[in-house]
Amino acid sequence: MHGYIKADHKDQLTNRLRRIEGQVRGVQRMVDEEAYCVDILTQISSLIAASEKVAALVLRDHVEHCVKESIRNEDEAEEKIDELVAAVERFLKV
């Protein structure tokens, strides 16, 4: 089964990922310029938060489409629920 991203979410994800890409370049520049460590850590914290927002949006689409569809098809429901739990555990680093 292929993934599914809602059209309006795809634009949001693309924009967020481009911003994250810019943030990464900014952190690289800060390291190159030997910026203050706490300032670098602050930017990395922002990167992590932005990445988590992207992940949450992808997770939402997965639940609303893939998981919902598999529950309608009872034969696939248990497998898809296990897959979802594993994905959330990876996301939460459990």
PDB file of N, CA and C in Angstrom:
ATOM      1  N   MET A   1       0.854  -1.185   0.000  1.00  0.00           N
ATOM      2  CA  MET A   1       0.000   0.000   0.000  1.00  0.00           C
ATOM      3  C   MET A   1       0.895   1.241   0.000  1.00  0.00           C
ATOM      4  N   HIS A   2       0.536   2.188  -0.804  1.00  0.00           N
ATOM      5  CA  HIS A   2       1.282   3.443  -0.868  1.00  0.00           C
ATOM      6  C   HIS A   2       0.768   4.396   0.189  1.00  0.00           C
ATOM      7  N   GLY A   3       1.581   5.384   0.493  1.00  0.00           N
ATOM      8  CA  GLY A   3       1.196   6.397   1.462  1.00  0.00           C
ATOM      9  C   GLY A   3       0.139   7.323   0.888  1.00  0.00           C
ATOM     10  N   TYR A   4      -0.397   8.131   1.762  1.00  0.00           N
ATOM     11  CA  TYR A   4      -1.422   9.080   1.363  1.00  0.00           C
ATOM     12  C   TYR A   4      -1.222  10.363   2.151  1.00  0.00           C
ATOM     13  N   ILE A   5      -1.031  11.427   1.436  1.00  0.00           N
ATOM     14  CA  ILE A   5      -0.921  12.753   2.045  1.00  0.00           C
ATOM     15  C   ILE A   5      -2.004  13.616   1.407  1.00  0.00           C
ATOM     16  N   LYS A   6      -2.842  14.234   2.231  1.00  0.00           N
ATOM     17  CA  LYS A   6      -3.887  15.119   1.708  1.00  0.00           C
ATOM     18  C   LYS A   6      -3.241  16.250   0.925  1.00  0.00           C
ATOM     19  N   ALA A   7      -3.907  16.699  -0.114  1.00  0.00           N
ATOM     20  CA  ALA A   7      -3.352  17.732  -0.994  1.00  0.00           C
ATOM     21  C   ALA A   7      -2.970  18.996  -0.220  1.00  0.00           C
ATOM     22  N   ASP A   8      -3.845  19.468   0.661  1.00  0.00           N
ATOM     23  CA  ASP A   8      -3.519  20.686   1.405  1.00  0.00           C
ATOM     24  C   ASP A   8      -2.400  20.431   2.415  1.00  0.00           C
ATOM     25  N   HIS A   9      -2.304  19.225   2.917  1.00  0.00           N
ATOM     26  CA  HIS A   9      -1.208  18.885   3.829  1.00  0.00           C
ATOM     27  C   HIS A   9       0.113  18.771   3.075  1.00  0.00           C
ATOM     28  N   LYS A  10       0.041  18.331   1.833  1.00  0.00           N
ATOM     29  CA  LYS A  10       1.273  18.191   1.050  1.00  0.00           C
ATOM     30  C   LYS A  10       1.952  19.553   0.897  1.00  0.00           C
ATOM     31  N   ASP A  11       1.176  20.576   0.615  1.00  0.00           N
ATOM     32  CA  ASP A  11       1.736  21.928   0.512  1.00  0.00           C
ATOM     33  C   ASP A  11       2.320  22.380   1.854  1.00  0.00           C
ATOM     34  N   GLN A  12       1.595  22.121   2.942  1.00  0.00           N
ATOM     35  CA  GLN A  12       2.088  22.478   4.276  1.00  0.00           C
ATOM     36  C   GLN A  12       3.390  21.742   4.578  1.00  0.00           C
ATOM     37  N   LEU A  13       3.420  20.445   4.266  1.00  0.00           N
ATOM     38  CA  LEU A  13       4.619  19.647   4.530  1.00  0.00           C
ATOM     39  C   LEU A  13       5.801  20.150   3.721  1.00  0.00           C
ATOM     40  N   THR A  14       5.561  20.437   2.453  1.00  0.00           N
ATOM     41  CA  THR A  14       6.635  20.939   1.597  1.00  0.00           C
ATOM     42  C   THR A  14       7.193  22.243   2.145  1.00  0.00           C
ATOM     43  N   ASN A  15       6.314  23.151   2.535  1.00  0.00           N
ATOM     44  CA  ASN A  15       6.765  24.433   3.100  1.00  0.00           C
ATOM     45  C   ASN A  15       7.533  24.245   4.396  1.00  0.00           C
ATOM     46  N   ARG A  16       7.012  23.384   5.268  1.00  0.00           N
ATOM     47  CA  ARG A  16       7.693  23.133   6.545  1.00  0.00           C
ATOM     48  C   ARG A  16       9.067  22.505   6.308  1.00  0.00           C
ATOM     49  N   LEU A  17       9.134  21.550   5.383  1.00  0.00           N
ATOM     50  CA  LEU A  17      10.408  20.886   5.106  1.00  0.00           C
ATOM     51  C   LEU A  17      11.422  21.851   4.504  1.00  0.00           C
ATOM     52  N   ARG A  18      10.958  22.768   3.690  1.00  0.00           N
ATOM     53  CA  ARG A  18      11.873  23.781   3.146  1.00  0.00           C
ATOM     54  C   ARG A  18      12.404  24.691   4.251  1.00  0.00           C
ATOM     55  N   ARG A  19      11.520  25.033   5.200  1.00  0.00           N
ATOM     56  CA  ARG A  19      11.972  25.849   6.334  1.00  0.00           C
ATOM     57  C   ARG A  19      12.983  25.079   7.177  1.00  0.00           C
ATOM     58  N   ILE A  20      12.719  23.807   7.387  1.00  0.00           N
ATOM     59  CA  ILE A  20      13.653  22.971   8.153  1.00  0.00           C
ATOM     60  C   ILE A  20      14.990  22.898   7.435  1.00  0.00           C
ATOM     61  N   GLU A  21      14.941  22.746   6.128  1.00  0.00           N
ATOM     62  CA  GLU A  21      16.175  22.716   5.336  1.00  0.00           C
ATOM     63  C   GLU A  21      16.976  24.012   5.548  1.00  0.00           C
ATOM     64  N   GLY A  22      16.276  25.129   5.551  1.00  0.00           N
ATOM     65  CA  GLY A  22      16.930  26.412   5.805  1.00  0.00           C
ATOM     66  C   GLY A  22      17.497  26.492   7.211  1.00  0.00           C
ATOM     67  N   GLN A  23      16.761  25.943   8.176  1.00  0.00           N
ATOM     68  CA  GLN A  23      17.248  25.934   9.549  1.00  0.00           C
ATOM     69  C   GLN A  23      18.527  25.106   9.665  1.00  0.00           C
ATOM     70  N   VAL A  24      18.561  23.967   8.978  1.00  0.00           N
ATOM     71  CA  VAL A  24      19.751  23.116   9.020  1.00  0.00           C
ATOM     72  C   VAL A  24      20.944  23.872   8.442  1.00  0.00           C
ATOM     73  N   ARG A  25      20.730  24.537   7.316  1.00  0.00           N
ATOM     74  CA  ARG A  25      21.823  25.343   6.740  1.00  0.00           C
ATOM     75  C   ARG A  25      22.271  26.424   7.719  1.00  0.00           C
ATOM     76  N   GLY A  26      21.313  27.021   8.424  1.00  0.00           N
ATOM     77  CA  GLY A  26      21.638  28.039   9.414  1.00  0.00           C
ATOM     78  C   GLY A  26      22.479  27.480  10.550  1.00  0.00           C
ATOM     79  N   VAL A  27      22.135  26.295  11.022  1.00  0.00           N
ATOM     80  CA  VAL A  27      22.916  25.659  12.084  1.00  0.00           C
ATOM     81  C   VAL A  27      24.313  25.322  11.569  1.00  0.00           C
ATOM     82  N   GLN A  28      24.403  24.837  10.340  1.00  0.00           N
ATOM     83  CA  GLN A  28      25.721  24.558   9.759  1.00  0.00           C
ATOM     84  C   GLN A  28      26.581  25.824   9.724  1.00  0.00           C
ATOM     85  N   ARG A  29      25.968  26.918   9.332  1.00  0.00           N
ATOM     86  CA  ARG A  29      26.675  28.201   9.268  1.00  0.00           C
ATOM     87  C   ARG A  29      27.119  28.628  10.671  1.00  0.00           C
ATOM     88  N   MET A  30      26.233  28.431  11.646  1.00  0.00           N
ATOM     89  CA  MET A  30      26.574  28.788  13.020  1.00  0.00           C
ATOM     90  C   MET A  30      27.777  27.976  13.511  1.00  0.00           C
ATOM     91  N   VAL A  31      27.798  26.704  13.184  1.00  0.00           N
ATOM     92  CA  VAL A  31      28.926  25.853  13.582  1.00  0.00           C
ATOM     93  C   VAL A  31      30.194  26.328  12.884  1.00  0.00           C
ATOM     94  N   ASP A  32      30.093  26.583  11.574  1.00  0.00           N
ATOM     95  CA  ASP A  32      31.257  27.066  10.822  1.00  0.00           C
ATOM     96  C   ASP A  32      31.809  28.360  11.399  1.00  0.00           C
ATOM     97  N   GLU A  33      30.896  29.226  11.845  1.00  0.00           N
ATOM     98  CA  GLU A  33      31.296  30.526  12.390  1.00  0.00           C
ATOM     99  C   GLU A  33      31.573  30.465  13.887  1.00  0.00           C
ATOM    100  N   GLU A  34      31.517  29.261  14.447  1.00  0.00           N
ATOM    101  CA  GLU A  34      31.774  29.043  15.868  1.00  0.00           C
ATOM    102  C   GLU A  34      30.890  29.921  16.758  1.00  0.00           C
ATOM    103  N   ALA A  35      29.589  29.876  16.453  1.00  0.00           N
ATOM    104  CA  ALA A  35      28.622  30.622  17.260  1.00  0.00           C
ATOM    105  C   ALA A  35      28.575  30.051  18.672  1.00  0.00           C
ATOM    106  N   TYR A  36      27.972  30.803  19.559  1.00  0.00           N
ATOM    107  CA  TYR A  36      27.845  30.404  20.956  1.00  0.00           C
ATOM    108  C   TYR A  36      27.048  29.099  21.029  1.00  0.00           C
ATOM    109  N   CYS A  37      27.553  28.145  21.816  1.00  0.00           N
ATOM    110  CA  CYS A  37      26.959  26.804  21.893  1.00  0.00           C
ATOM    111  C   CYS A  37      25.469  26.831  22.236  1.00  0.00           C
ATOM    112  N   VAL A  38      25.083  27.656  23.187  1.00  0.00           N
ATOM    113  CA  VAL A  38      23.680  27.718  23.606  1.00  0.00           C
ATOM    114  C   VAL A  38      22.799  28.200  22.453  1.00  0.00           C
ATOM    115  N   ASP A  39      23.297  29.119  21.650  1.00  0.00           N
ATOM    116  CA  ASP A  39      22.541  29.590  20.486  1.00  0.00           C
ATOM    117  C   ASP A  39      22.359  28.466  19.468  1.00  0.00           C
ATOM    118  N   ILE A  40      23.387  27.668  19.279  1.00  0.00           N
ATOM    119  CA  ILE A  40      23.289  26.523  18.358  1.00  0.00           C
ATOM    120  C   ILE A  40      22.265  25.520  18.887  1.00  0.00           C
ATOM    121  N   LEU A  41      22.342  25.241  20.186  1.00  0.00           N
ATOM    122  CA  LEU A  41      21.392  24.302  20.791  1.00  0.00           C
ATOM    123  C   LEU A  41      19.955  24.805  20.675  1.00  0.00           C
ATOM    124  N   THR A  42      19.765  26.090  20.806  1.00  0.00           N
ATOM    125  CA  THR A  42      18.428  26.683  20.657  1.00  0.00           C
ATOM    126  C   THR A  42      17.898  26.448  19.253  1.00  0.00           C
ATOM    127  N   GLN A  43      18.748  26.635  18.259  1.00  0.00           N
ATOM    128  CA  GLN A  43      18.330  26.412  16.873  1.00  0.00           C
ATOM    129  C   GLN A  43      18.053  24.936  16.610  1.00  0.00           C
ATOM    130  N   ILE A  44      18.852  24.055  17.208  1.00  0.00           N
ATOM    131  CA  ILE A  44      18.611  22.621  17.054  1.00  0.00           C
ATOM    132  C   ILE A  44      17.276  22.240  17.692  1.00  0.00           C
ATOM    133  N   SER A  45      16.967  22.845  18.815  1.00  0.00           N
ATOM    134  CA  SER A  45      15.676  22.608  19.465  1.00  0.00           C
ATOM    135  C   SER A  45      14.524  23.010  18.538  1.00  0.00           C
ATOM    136  N   SER A  46      14.679  24.122  17.857  1.00  0.00           N
ATOM    137  CA  SER A  46      13.667  24.576  16.895  1.00  0.00           C
ATOM    138  C   SER A  46      13.534  23.591  15.743  1.00  0.00           C
ATOM    139  N   LEU A  47      14.657  23.061  15.301  1.00  0.00           N
ATOM    140  CA  LEU A  47      14.654  22.054  14.229  1.00  0.00           C
ATOM    141  C   LEU A  47      13.879  20.814  14.643  1.00  0.00           C
ATOM    142  N   ILE A  48      14.136  20.358  15.855  1.00  0.00           N
ATOM    143  CA  ILE A  48      13.453  19.168  16.364  1.00  0.00           C
ATOM    144  C   ILE A  48      11.948  19.409  16.443  1.00  0.00           C
ATOM    145  N   ALA A  49      11.556  20.557  16.962  1.00  0.00           N
ATOM    146  CA  ALA A  49      10.125  20.884  17.073  1.00  0.00           C
ATOM    147  C   ALA A  49       9.474  20.936  15.693  1.00  0.00           C
ATOM    148  N   ALA A  50      10.158  21.540  14.739  1.00  0.00           N
ATOM    149  CA  ALA A  50       9.618  21.630  13.376  1.00  0.00           C
ATOM    150  C   ALA A  50       9.482  20.244  12.759  1.00  0.00           C
ATOM    151  N   SER A  51      10.456  19.378  12.986  1.00  0.00           N
ATOM    152  CA  SER A  51      10.407  18.015  12.462  1.00  0.00           C
ATOM    153  C   SER A  51       9.262  17.231  13.092  1.00  0.00           C
ATOM    154  N   GLU A  52       9.044  17.442  14.376  1.00  0.00           N
ATOM    155  CA  GLU A  52       7.949  16.755  15.056  1.00  0.00           C
ATOM    156  C   GLU A  52       6.594  17.203  14.514  1.00  0.00           C
ATOM    157  N   LYS A  53       6.473  18.472  14.142  1.00  0.00           N
ATOM    158  CA  LYS A  53       5.218  18.952  13.545  1.00  0.00           C
ATOM    159  C   LYS A  53       4.971  18.292  12.197  1.00  0.00           C
ATOM    160  N   VAL A  54       6.030  18.113  11.414  1.00  0.00           N
ATOM    161  CA  VAL A  54       5.907  17.410  10.134  1.00  0.00           C
ATOM    162  C   VAL A  54       5.462  15.975  10.388  1.00  0.00           C
ATOM    163  N   ALA A  55       6.105  15.315  11.336  1.00  0.00           N
ATOM    164  CA  ALA A  55       5.759  13.931  11.646  1.00  0.00           C
ATOM    165  C   ALA A  55       4.309  13.809  12.118  1.00  0.00           C
ATOM    166  N   ALA A  56       3.868  14.737  12.937  1.00  0.00           N
ATOM    167  CA  ALA A  56       2.492  14.699  13.440  1.00  0.00           C
ATOM    168  C   ALA A  56       1.484  14.842  12.303  1.00  0.00           C
ATOM    169  N   LEU A  57       1.784  15.673  11.345  1.00  0.00           N
ATOM    170  CA  LEU A  57       0.891  15.856  10.203  1.00  0.00           C
ATOM    171  C   LEU A  57       0.843  14.593   9.344  1.00  0.00           C
ATOM    172  N   VAL A  58       1.989  13.976   9.118  1.00  0.00           N
ATOM    173  CA  VAL A  58       2.029  12.722   8.357  1.00  0.00           C
ATOM    174  C   VAL A  58       1.275  11.631   9.126  1.00  0.00           C
ATOM    175  N   LEU A  59       1.474  11.580  10.425  1.00  0.00           N
ATOM    176  CA  LEU A  59       0.776  10.597  11.252  1.00  0.00           C
ATOM    177  C   LEU A  59      -0.733  10.790  11.172  1.00  0.00           C
ATOM    178  N   ARG A  60      -1.174  12.038  11.226  1.00  0.00           N
ATOM    179  CA  ARG A  60      -2.608  12.333  11.124  1.00  0.00           C
ATOM    180  C   ARG A  60      -3.176  11.793   9.807  1.00  0.00           C
ATOM    181  N   ASP A  61      -2.492  12.061   8.702  1.00  0.00           N
ATOM    182  CA  ASP A  61      -2.972  11.578   7.415  1.00  0.00           C
ATOM    183  C   ASP A  61      -2.972  10.053   7.363  1.00  0.00           C
ATOM    184  N   HIS A  62      -1.970   9.436   7.967  1.00  0.00           N
ATOM    185  CA  HIS A  62      -1.903   7.977   7.992  1.00  0.00           C
ATOM    186  C   HIS A  62      -3.113   7.406   8.736  1.00  0.00           C
ATOM    187  N   VAL A  63      -3.422   7.974   9.883  1.00  0.00           N
ATOM    188  CA  VAL A  63      -4.560   7.490  10.670  1.00  0.00           C
ATOM    189  C   VAL A  63      -5.872   7.745   9.939  1.00  0.00           C
ATOM    190  N   GLU A  64      -6.030   8.955   9.416  1.00  0.00           N
ATOM    191  CA  GLU A  64      -7.288   9.324   8.775  1.00  0.00           C
ATOM    192  C   GLU A  64      -7.530   8.579   7.470  1.00  0.00           C
ATOM    193  N   HIS A  65      -6.477   8.110   6.828  1.00  0.00           N
ATOM    194  CA  HIS A  65      -6.671   7.414   5.562  1.00  0.00           C
ATOM    195  C   HIS A  65      -6.362   5.927   5.689  1.00  0.00           C
ATOM    196  N   CYS A  66      -5.111   5.607   5.879  1.00  0.00           N
ATOM    197  CA  CYS A  66      -4.671   4.212   5.843  1.00  0.00           C
ATOM    198  C   CYS A  66      -5.296   3.366   6.958  1.00  0.00           C
ATOM    199  N   VAL A  67      -5.219   3.855   8.186  1.00  0.00           N
ATOM    200  CA  VAL A  67      -5.753   3.085   9.305  1.00  0.00           C
ATOM    201  C   VAL A  67      -7.271   2.999   9.206  1.00  0.00           C
ATOM    202  N   LYS A  68      -7.902   4.110   8.900  1.00  0.00           N
ATOM    203  CA  LYS A  68      -9.362   4.136   8.779  1.00  0.00           C
ATOM    204  C   LYS A  68      -9.834   3.141   7.712  1.00  0.00           C
ATOM    205  N   GLU A  69      -9.159   3.124   6.572  1.00  0.00           N
ATOM    206  CA  GLU A  69      -9.522   2.191   5.492  1.00  0.00           C
ATOM    207  C   GLU A  69      -9.338   0.740   5.920  1.00  0.00           C
ATOM    208  N   SER A  70      -8.253   0.460   6.629  1.00  0.00           N
ATOM    209  CA  SER A  70      -7.997  -0.921   7.039  1.00  0.00           C
ATOM    210  C   SER A  70      -9.013  -1.401   8.072  1.00  0.00           C
ATOM    211  N   ILE A  71      -9.509  -0.496   8.896  1.00  0.00           N
ATOM    212  CA  ILE A  71     -10.526  -0.877   9.877  1.00  0.00           C
ATOM    213  C   ILE A  71     -11.826  -1.234   9.167  1.00  0.00           C
ATOM    214  N   ARG A  72     -12.115  -0.537   8.094  1.00  0.00           N
ATOM    215  CA  ARG A  72     -13.299  -0.885   7.298  1.00  0.00           C
ATOM    216  C   ARG A  72     -13.158  -2.279   6.698  1.00  0.00           C
ATOM    217  N   ASN A  73     -11.928  -2.640   6.326  1.00  0.00           N
ATOM    218  CA  ASN A  73     -11.638  -3.972   5.801  1.00  0.00           C
ATOM    219  C   ASN A  73     -11.067  -4.780   6.957  1.00  0.00           C
ATOM    220  N   GLU A  74     -11.914  -5.438   7.692  1.00  0.00           N
ATOM    221  CA  GLU A  74     -11.529  -6.097   8.937  1.00  0.00           C
ATOM    222  C   GLU A  74     -10.350  -7.049   8.797  1.00  0.00           C
ATOM    223  N   ASP A  75     -10.119  -7.598   7.619  1.00  0.00           N
ATOM    224  CA  ASP A  75      -9.014  -8.527   7.420  1.00  0.00           C
ATOM    225  C   ASP A  75      -7.663  -7.853   7.644  1.00  0.00           C
ATOM    226  N   GLU A  76      -7.563  -6.573   7.367  1.00  0.00           N
ATOM    227  CA  GLU A  76      -6.302  -5.843   7.482  1.00  0.00           C
ATOM    228  C   GLU A  76      -6.193  -5.032   8.774  1.00  0.00           C
ATOM    229  N   ALA A  77      -7.252  -4.926   9.531  1.00  0.00           N
ATOM    230  CA  ALA A  77      -7.299  -4.019  10.679  1.00  0.00           C
ATOM    231  C   ALA A  77      -6.215  -4.306  11.711  1.00  0.00           C
ATOM    232  N   GLU A  78      -6.088  -5.540  12.122  1.00  0.00           N
ATOM    233  CA  GLU A  78      -5.130  -5.879  13.178  1.00  0.00           C
ATOM    234  C   GLU A  78      -3.696  -5.556  12.746  1.00  0.00           C
ATOM    235  N   GLU A  79      -3.373  -5.897  11.519  1.00  0.00           N
ATOM    236  CA  GLU A  79      -2.026  -5.614  10.991  1.00  0.00           C
ATOM    237  C   GLU A  79      -1.749  -4.113  10.955  1.00  0.00           C
ATOM    238  N   LYS A  80      -2.731  -3.346  10.502  1.00  0.00           N
ATOM    239  CA  LYS A  80      -2.557  -1.897  10.389  1.00  0.00           C
ATOM    240  C   LYS A  80      -2.476  -1.246  11.764  1.00  0.00           C
ATOM    241  N   ILE A  81      -3.218  -1.747  12.718  1.00  0.00           N
ATOM    242  CA  ILE A  81      -3.147  -1.204  14.081  1.00  0.00           C
ATOM    243  C   ILE A  81      -1.772  -1.484  14.671  1.00  0.00           C
ATOM    244  N   ASP A  82      -1.247  -2.702  14.471  1.00  0.00           N
ATOM    245  CA  ASP A  82       0.101  -3.027  14.945  1.00  0.00           C
ATOM    246  C   ASP A  82       1.137  -2.123  14.292  1.00  0.00           C
ATOM    247  N   GLU A  83       0.969  -1.871  13.006  1.00  0.00           N
ATOM    248  CA  GLU A  83       1.879  -0.995  12.276  1.00  0.00           C
ATOM    249  C   GLU A  83       1.833   0.421  12.849  1.00  0.00           C
ATOM    250  N   LEU A  84       0.633   0.896  13.152  1.00  0.00           N
ATOM    251  CA  LEU A  84       0.461   2.232  13.718  1.00  0.00           C
ATOM    252  C   LEU A  84       1.130   2.331  15.092  1.00  0.00           C
ATOM    253  N   VAL A  85       0.909   1.344  15.924  1.00  0.00           N
ATOM    254  CA  VAL A  85       1.510   1.343  17.255  1.00  0.00           C
ATOM    255  C   VAL A  85       3.036   1.367  17.139  1.00  0.00           C
ATOM    256  N   ALA A  86       3.593   0.562  16.239  1.00  0.00           N
ATOM    257  CA  ALA A  86       5.046   0.533  16.040  1.00  0.00           C
ATOM    258  C   ALA A  86       5.555   1.889  15.563  1.00  0.00           C
ATOM    259  N   ALA A  87       4.822   2.531  14.667  1.00  0.00           N
ATOM    260  CA  ALA A  87       5.225   3.842  14.155  1.00  0.00           C
ATOM    261  C   ALA A  87       5.197   4.894  15.267  1.00  0.00           C
ATOM    262  N   VAL A  88       4.165   4.867  16.090  1.00  0.00           N
ATOM    263  CA  VAL A  88       4.064   5.825  17.193  1.00  0.00           C
ATOM    264  C   VAL A  88       5.182   5.570  18.206  1.00  0.00           C
ATOM    265  N   GLU A  89       5.479   4.302  18.474  1.00  0.00           N
ATOM    266  CA  GLU A  89       6.565   3.991  19.401  1.00  0.00           C
ATOM    267  C   GLU A  89       7.910   4.495  18.871  1.00  0.00           C
ATOM    268  N   ARG A  90       8.144   4.343  17.560  1.00  0.00           N
ATOM    269  CA  ARG A  90       9.379   4.878  16.969  1.00  0.00           C
ATOM    270  C   ARG A  90       9.411   6.391  17.094  1.00  0.00           C
ATOM    271  N   PHE A  91       8.275   7.012  16.827  1.00  0.00           N
ATOM    272  CA  PHE A  91       8.164   8.465  16.901  1.00  0.00           C
ATOM    273  C   PHE A  91       8.451   8.962  18.322  1.00  0.00           C
ATOM    274  N   LEU A  92       7.938   8.237  19.296  1.00  0.00           N
ATOM    275  CA  LEU A  92       8.113   8.622  20.696  1.00  0.00           C
ATOM    276  C   LEU A  92       9.401   8.064  21.293  1.00  0.00           C
ATOM    277  N   LYS A  93      10.100   7.248  20.513  1.00  0.00           N
ATOM    278  CA  LYS A  93      11.344   6.606  20.957  1.00  0.00           C
ATOM    279  C   LYS A  93      11.121   5.795  22.212  1.00  0.00           C
ATOM    280  N   VAL A  94      10.037   5.016  22.210  1.00  0.00           N
ATOM    281  CA  VAL A  94       9.695   4.147  23.349  1.00  0.00           C
ATOM    282  C   VAL A  94      10.489   2.864  23.253  1.00  0.00           C
TER     283      VAL A  94
END
